[in-house]
Amino acid sequence: MTFYYLKDVSERFADVGKDSAIYYRDKKERVEQSKDAFWKIAVSEMEDETFANNDPLINGIPIKKKVDGAAEVTDMGRPVGGTDEEEIWFLGNSAMTRAEAAAFLDRFMKWTIERFK
């Protein structure tokens, strides 16, 4: 007998593995995101990867304000403050600063060296 693990919904990120939406506050625009969006599949496949000390390779962003179930963000995809119950989202459409991109690439490089040495 063979068992297969079919992972379809994230255990860590509220917007991965299911339909979600982002509400851009300044534009007053709602953008729907399919559960099969290219980045959601990639995040789902990598979300359980950890460093040797068990820190996760991929971290989420706390969302504290939603509009009709959509995470409310700025034009750059940054979450806005709020009083809703906090949920952790991946927010695949948010923009990265140069510093965040460099930090992510550094973490990824360390993980690949650690994993494939």
N, C-alpha and C. Protein backbone atom coordinates (compact mmCIF):
# COMPACT_ATOMS: atom_id res chain seq x y z
N MET A 1 0.84 -1.16 0.00
CA MET A 1 0.00 0.00 0.00
C MET A 1 0.90 1.24 0.00
N THR A 2 0.59 2.18 -0.85
CA THR A 2 1.35 3.42 -0.96
C THR A 2 0.45 4.59 -0.59
N PHE A 3 0.97 5.49 0.23
CA PHE A 3 0.23 6.68 0.62
C PHE A 3 0.87 7.89 -0.04
N TYR A 4 0.04 8.80 -0.49
CA TYR A 4 0.51 10.05 -1.07
C TYR A 4 -0.05 11.20 -0.26
N TYR A 5 0.76 12.21 -0.08
CA TYR A 5 0.33 13.41 0.63
C TYR A 5 0.00 14.47 -0.41
N LEU A 6 -1.25 14.82 -0.50
CA LEU A 6 -1.69 15.85 -1.44
C LEU A 6 -1.93 17.13 -0.66
N LYS A 7 -1.06 18.07 -0.87
CA LYS A 7 -1.16 19.33 -0.15
C LYS A 7 -1.83 20.34 -1.07
N ASP A 8 -2.99 20.82 -0.67
CA ASP A 8 -3.65 21.79 -1.53
C ASP A 8 -3.87 23.14 -0.85
N VAL A 9 -3.87 23.18 0.47
CA VAL A 9 -4.06 24.44 1.19
C VAL A 9 -2.91 24.62 2.17
N SER A 10 -2.38 25.83 2.21
CA SER A 10 -1.26 26.13 3.09
C SER A 10 -1.68 26.06 4.55
N GLU A 11 -0.77 25.61 5.37
CA GLU A 11 -1.00 25.60 6.82
C GLU A 11 -0.46 26.87 7.47
N ARG A 12 0.36 27.63 6.73
CA ARG A 12 0.99 28.82 7.30
C ARG A 12 0.47 30.12 6.72
N PHE A 13 0.07 30.13 5.46
CA PHE A 13 -0.32 31.37 4.79
C PHE A 13 -1.79 31.35 4.41
N ALA A 14 -2.52 32.37 4.81
CA ALA A 14 -3.97 32.41 4.59
C ALA A 14 -4.33 32.59 3.12
N ASP A 15 -3.41 33.05 2.29
CA ASP A 15 -3.74 33.31 0.88
C ASP A 15 -3.16 32.28 -0.09
N VAL A 16 -2.55 31.23 0.40
CA VAL A 16 -1.93 30.22 -0.47
C VAL A 16 -2.79 28.96 -0.49
N GLY A 17 -3.08 28.49 -1.69
CA GLY A 17 -3.86 27.27 -1.84
C GLY A 17 -5.36 27.51 -1.90
N LYS A 18 -5.76 28.76 -1.90
CA LYS A 18 -7.18 29.09 -2.02
C LYS A 18 -7.31 30.45 -2.70
N ASP A 19 -8.51 30.70 -3.22
CA ASP A 19 -8.76 32.00 -3.85
C ASP A 19 -8.63 33.09 -2.79
N SER A 20 -8.09 34.22 -3.19
CA SER A 20 -7.94 35.34 -2.27
C SER A 20 -8.05 36.64 -3.07
N ALA A 21 -7.98 37.74 -2.38
CA ALA A 21 -8.06 39.04 -3.04
C ALA A 21 -7.24 40.05 -2.27
N ILE A 22 -6.79 41.06 -3.00
CA ILE A 22 -6.07 42.18 -2.41
C ILE A 22 -6.84 43.44 -2.76
N TYR A 23 -7.00 44.32 -1.77
CA TYR A 23 -7.67 45.60 -2.00
C TYR A 23 -6.63 46.70 -1.89
N TYR A 24 -6.37 47.36 -3.02
CA TYR A 24 -5.41 48.48 -3.05
C TYR A 24 -6.13 49.73 -2.58
N ARG A 25 -5.80 50.17 -1.38
CA ARG A 25 -6.49 51.27 -0.71
C ARG A 25 -6.47 52.56 -1.53
N ASP A 26 -5.30 52.96 -2.03
CA ASP A 26 -5.18 54.25 -2.69
C ASP A 26 -5.87 54.25 -4.06
N LYS A 27 -5.86 53.14 -4.75
CA LYS A 27 -6.51 53.03 -6.06
C LYS A 27 -7.98 52.67 -5.93
N LYS A 28 -8.38 52.21 -4.74
CA LYS A 28 -9.73 51.70 -4.51
C LYS A 28 -10.05 50.58 -5.51
N GLU A 29 -9.10 49.65 -5.64
CA GLU A 29 -9.21 48.56 -6.60
C GLU A 29 -9.05 47.22 -5.90
N ARG A 30 -9.92 46.28 -6.24
CA ARG A 30 -9.85 44.92 -5.70
C ARG A 30 -9.31 44.01 -6.79
N VAL A 31 -8.28 43.21 -6.46
CA VAL A 31 -7.67 42.29 -7.41
C VAL A 31 -7.87 40.87 -6.88
N GLU A 32 -8.57 40.07 -7.66
CA GLU A 32 -8.81 38.67 -7.28
C GLU A 32 -7.60 37.83 -7.67
N GLN A 33 -7.29 36.84 -6.85
CA GLN A 33 -6.17 35.95 -7.12
C GLN A 33 -6.65 34.51 -7.03
N SER A 34 -6.49 33.78 -8.11
CA SER A 34 -6.91 32.38 -8.18
C SER A 34 -6.05 31.52 -7.27
N LYS A 35 -6.61 30.42 -6.78
CA LYS A 35 -5.83 29.50 -5.95
C LYS A 35 -4.71 28.85 -6.74
N ASP A 36 -4.81 28.88 -8.07
CA ASP A 36 -3.80 28.27 -8.93
C ASP A 36 -2.80 29.27 -9.50
N ALA A 37 -2.73 30.46 -8.95
CA ALA A 37 -1.77 31.46 -9.43
C ALA A 37 -0.36 30.87 -9.36
N PHE A 38 0.47 31.20 -10.34
CA PHE A 38 1.80 30.58 -10.44
C PHE A 38 2.60 30.69 -9.14
N TRP A 39 2.55 31.81 -8.47
CA TRP A 39 3.36 31.99 -7.27
C TRP A 39 2.79 31.21 -6.09
N LYS A 40 1.48 30.99 -6.05
CA LYS A 40 0.89 30.24 -4.94
C LYS A 40 1.33 28.79 -4.98
N ILE A 41 1.45 28.24 -6.17
CA ILE A 41 1.90 26.85 -6.30
C ILE A 41 3.35 26.72 -5.84
N ALA A 42 4.20 27.67 -6.26
CA ALA A 42 5.62 27.64 -5.86
C ALA A 42 5.77 27.80 -4.35
N VAL A 43 5.03 28.72 -3.76
CA VAL A 43 5.11 28.93 -2.31
C VAL A 43 4.63 27.69 -1.57
N SER A 44 3.56 27.09 -2.04
CA SER A 44 3.04 25.88 -1.41
C SER A 44 4.08 24.77 -1.40
N GLU A 45 4.82 24.64 -2.50
CA GLU A 45 5.83 23.59 -2.59
C GLU A 45 7.04 23.87 -1.71
N MET A 46 7.32 25.14 -1.40
CA MET A 46 8.53 25.48 -0.62
C MET A 46 8.25 25.91 0.81
N GLU A 47 7.00 26.02 1.21
CA GLU A 47 6.71 26.60 2.52
C GLU A 47 7.22 25.77 3.69
N ASP A 48 7.43 24.48 3.50
CA ASP A 48 7.90 23.64 4.59
C ASP A 48 9.42 23.53 4.66
N GLU A 49 10.12 24.17 3.72
CA GLU A 49 11.59 24.13 3.73
C GLU A 49 12.11 24.98 4.89
N THR A 50 13.10 24.45 5.59
CA THR A 50 13.68 25.15 6.73
C THR A 50 15.20 25.12 6.65
N PHE A 51 15.81 26.00 7.43
CA PHE A 51 17.24 25.97 7.64
C PHE A 51 17.55 24.89 8.66
N ALA A 52 18.82 24.64 8.90
CA ALA A 52 19.22 23.60 9.86
C ALA A 52 18.68 23.89 11.26
N ASN A 53 18.49 25.17 11.60
CA ASN A 53 17.98 25.53 12.93
C ASN A 53 16.45 25.55 12.98
N ASN A 54 15.79 25.05 11.91
CA ASN A 54 14.33 24.98 11.79
C ASN A 54 13.63 26.31 11.54
N ASP A 55 14.37 27.38 11.25
CA ASP A 55 13.74 28.62 10.82
C ASP A 55 13.19 28.41 9.41
N PRO A 56 11.99 28.90 9.12
CA PRO A 56 11.44 28.69 7.78
C PRO A 56 12.18 29.51 6.73
N LEU A 57 12.31 28.95 5.54
CA LEU A 57 12.94 29.68 4.43
C LEU A 57 12.06 30.84 3.99
N ILE A 58 10.75 30.62 3.99
CA ILE A 58 9.81 31.64 3.51
C ILE A 58 8.99 32.14 4.70
N ASN A 59 8.94 33.46 4.86
CA ASN A 59 8.13 34.06 5.92
C ASN A 59 6.95 34.80 5.32
N GLY A 60 5.92 34.96 6.11
CA GLY A 60 4.73 35.67 5.66
C GLY A 60 4.69 37.09 6.21
N ILE A 61 3.61 37.78 5.85
CA ILE A 61 3.41 39.17 6.25
C ILE A 61 2.11 39.24 7.04
N PRO A 62 2.13 39.82 8.25
CA PRO A 62 0.90 39.90 9.03
C PRO A 62 -0.09 40.90 8.41
N ILE A 63 -1.33 40.47 8.25
CA ILE A 63 -2.40 41.32 7.73
C ILE A 63 -3.35 41.62 8.89
N LYS A 64 -3.59 42.91 9.14
CA LYS A 64 -4.44 43.30 10.26
C LYS A 64 -5.67 44.07 9.81
N LYS A 65 -5.83 44.25 8.48
CA LYS A 65 -7.02 44.95 8.00
C LYS A 65 -7.46 44.33 6.68
N LYS A 66 -8.75 43.96 6.61
CA LYS A 66 -9.30 43.39 5.40
C LYS A 66 -10.58 44.13 5.02
N VAL A 67 -10.85 44.16 3.71
CA VAL A 67 -12.07 44.75 3.18
C VAL A 67 -12.82 43.64 2.45
N ASP A 68 -13.93 43.22 3.00
CA ASP A 68 -14.71 42.11 2.42
C ASP A 68 -13.83 40.89 2.13
N GLY A 69 -12.96 40.55 3.07
CA GLY A 69 -12.10 39.36 2.93
C GLY A 69 -10.81 39.59 2.18
N ALA A 70 -10.63 40.77 1.59
CA ALA A 70 -9.41 41.08 0.84
C ALA A 70 -8.43 41.82 1.74
N ALA A 71 -7.16 41.44 1.65
CA ALA A 71 -6.12 42.13 2.42
C ALA A 71 -6.00 43.55 1.90
N GLU A 72 -6.09 44.53 2.80
CA GLU A 72 -5.96 45.93 2.38
C GLU A 72 -4.50 46.33 2.39
N VAL A 73 -4.03 46.83 1.25
CA VAL A 73 -2.62 47.18 1.08
C VAL A 73 -2.49 48.54 0.42
N THR A 74 -1.26 49.08 0.46
CA THR A 74 -0.95 50.32 -0.25
C THR A 74 -0.71 50.00 -1.73
N ASP A 75 -0.42 51.02 -2.51
CA ASP A 75 -0.14 50.80 -3.94
C ASP A 75 1.08 49.92 -4.15
N MET A 76 2.00 49.86 -3.19
CA MET A 76 3.19 49.03 -3.29
C MET A 76 2.96 47.63 -2.73
N GLY A 77 1.74 47.34 -2.31
CA GLY A 77 1.43 46.02 -1.80
C GLY A 77 1.78 45.82 -0.33
N ARG A 78 2.03 46.91 0.37
CA ARG A 78 2.34 46.84 1.81
C ARG A 78 1.05 46.84 2.61
N PRO A 79 0.92 45.97 3.59
CA PRO A 79 -0.31 45.96 4.38
C PRO A 79 -0.47 47.25 5.19
N VAL A 80 -1.70 47.66 5.37
CA VAL A 80 -1.98 48.84 6.18
C VAL A 80 -2.34 48.38 7.59
N GLY A 81 -2.21 49.28 8.54
CA GLY A 81 -2.53 48.96 9.93
C GLY A 81 -4.03 48.77 10.11
N GLY A 82 -4.39 48.03 11.11
CA GLY A 82 -5.80 47.80 11.39
C GLY A 82 -5.98 47.08 12.70
N THR A 83 -7.22 46.76 13.01
CA THR A 83 -7.53 46.12 14.28
C THR A 83 -8.15 44.74 14.09
N ASP A 84 -8.22 44.25 12.85
CA ASP A 84 -8.76 42.91 12.61
C ASP A 84 -7.83 41.88 13.23
N GLU A 85 -8.35 40.68 13.43
CA GLU A 85 -7.52 39.59 13.93
C GLU A 85 -6.41 39.32 12.91
N GLU A 86 -5.19 39.24 13.39
CA GLU A 86 -4.04 39.09 12.50
C GLU A 86 -4.04 37.74 11.78
N GLU A 87 -3.80 37.78 10.47
CA GLU A 87 -3.59 36.59 9.66
C GLU A 87 -2.27 36.74 8.94
N ILE A 88 -1.59 35.64 8.73
CA ILE A 88 -0.32 35.67 8.00
C ILE A 88 -0.60 35.33 6.53
N TRP A 89 -0.25 36.25 5.66
CA TRP A 89 -0.40 36.07 4.21
C TRP A 89 0.98 36.07 3.59
N PHE A 90 1.10 35.46 2.43
CA PHE A 90 2.37 35.54 1.70
C PHE A 90 2.43 36.82 0.87
N LEU A 91 1.33 37.27 0.31
CA LEU A 91 1.25 38.48 -0.51
C LEU A 91 2.24 38.45 -1.66
N GLY A 92 2.04 37.54 -2.57
CA GLY A 92 2.96 37.35 -3.69
C GLY A 92 3.04 38.51 -4.66
N ASN A 93 2.09 39.42 -4.62
CA ASN A 93 2.12 40.56 -5.54
C ASN A 93 2.71 41.81 -4.93
N SER A 94 3.19 41.74 -3.70
CA SER A 94 3.74 42.94 -3.07
C SER A 94 5.15 43.22 -3.61
N ALA A 95 5.47 44.49 -3.70
CA ALA A 95 6.79 44.90 -4.19
C ALA A 95 7.83 44.75 -3.09
N MET A 96 9.05 44.43 -3.49
CA MET A 96 10.16 44.33 -2.52
C MET A 96 11.06 45.56 -2.67
N THR A 97 11.58 46.00 -1.55
CA THR A 97 12.64 47.02 -1.64
C THR A 97 13.92 46.31 -2.05
N ARG A 98 14.91 47.06 -2.44
CA ARG A 98 16.18 46.45 -2.81
C ARG A 98 16.78 45.70 -1.63
N ALA A 99 16.63 46.26 -0.42
CA ALA A 99 17.18 45.62 0.77
C ALA A 99 16.47 44.29 1.04
N GLU A 100 15.16 44.26 0.88
CA GLU A 100 14.43 43.01 1.10
C GLU A 100 14.82 41.96 0.06
N ALA A 101 14.99 42.38 -1.18
CA ALA A 101 15.40 41.44 -2.23
C ALA A 101 16.78 40.87 -1.92
N ALA A 102 17.72 41.73 -1.48
CA ALA A 102 19.06 41.26 -1.15
C ALA A 102 19.02 40.31 0.03
N ALA A 103 18.22 40.62 1.04
CA ALA A 103 18.10 39.75 2.22
C ALA A 103 17.49 38.40 1.83
N PHE A 104 16.48 38.41 0.96
CA PHE A 104 15.87 37.16 0.52
C PHE A 104 16.87 36.32 -0.26
N LEU A 105 17.59 36.94 -1.18
CA LEU A 105 18.58 36.19 -1.96
C LEU A 105 19.67 35.62 -1.06
N ASP A 106 20.06 36.37 -0.04
CA ASP A 106 21.06 35.88 0.91
C ASP A 106 20.53 34.66 1.66
N ARG A 107 19.29 34.73 2.13
CA ARG A 107 18.69 33.58 2.83
C ARG A 107 18.59 32.38 1.90
N PHE A 108 18.20 32.61 0.64
CA PHE A 108 18.07 31.52 -0.31
C PHE A 108 19.43 30.89 -0.61
N MET A 109 20.46 31.73 -0.75
CA MET A 109 21.81 31.22 -1.00
C MET A 109 22.27 30.35 0.17
N LYS A 110 22.07 30.83 1.40
CA LYS A 110 22.46 30.05 2.58
C LYS A 110 21.70 28.73 2.64
N TRP A 111 20.41 28.78 2.31
CA TRP A 111 19.61 27.55 2.32
C TRP A 111 20.11 26.56 1.28
N THR A 112 20.42 27.02 0.07
CA THR A 112 20.88 26.09 -0.97
C THR A 112 22.24 25.49 -0.61
N ILE A 113 23.12 26.28 -0.04
CA ILE A 113 24.42 25.76 0.38
C ILE A 113 24.24 24.71 1.48
N GLU A 114 23.37 25.03 2.43
CA GLU A 114 23.10 24.12 3.55
C GLU A 114 22.45 22.83 3.06
N ARG A 115 21.50 22.94 2.16
CA ARG A 115 20.72 21.80 1.70
C ARG A 115 21.48 20.90 0.73
N PHE A 116 22.31 21.50 -0.14
CA PHE A 116 22.93 20.74 -1.22
C PHE A 116 24.45 20.60 -1.13
N LYS A 117 25.02 20.86 0.05
CA LYS A 117 26.47 20.75 0.17
C LYS A 117 26.92 19.32 0.16
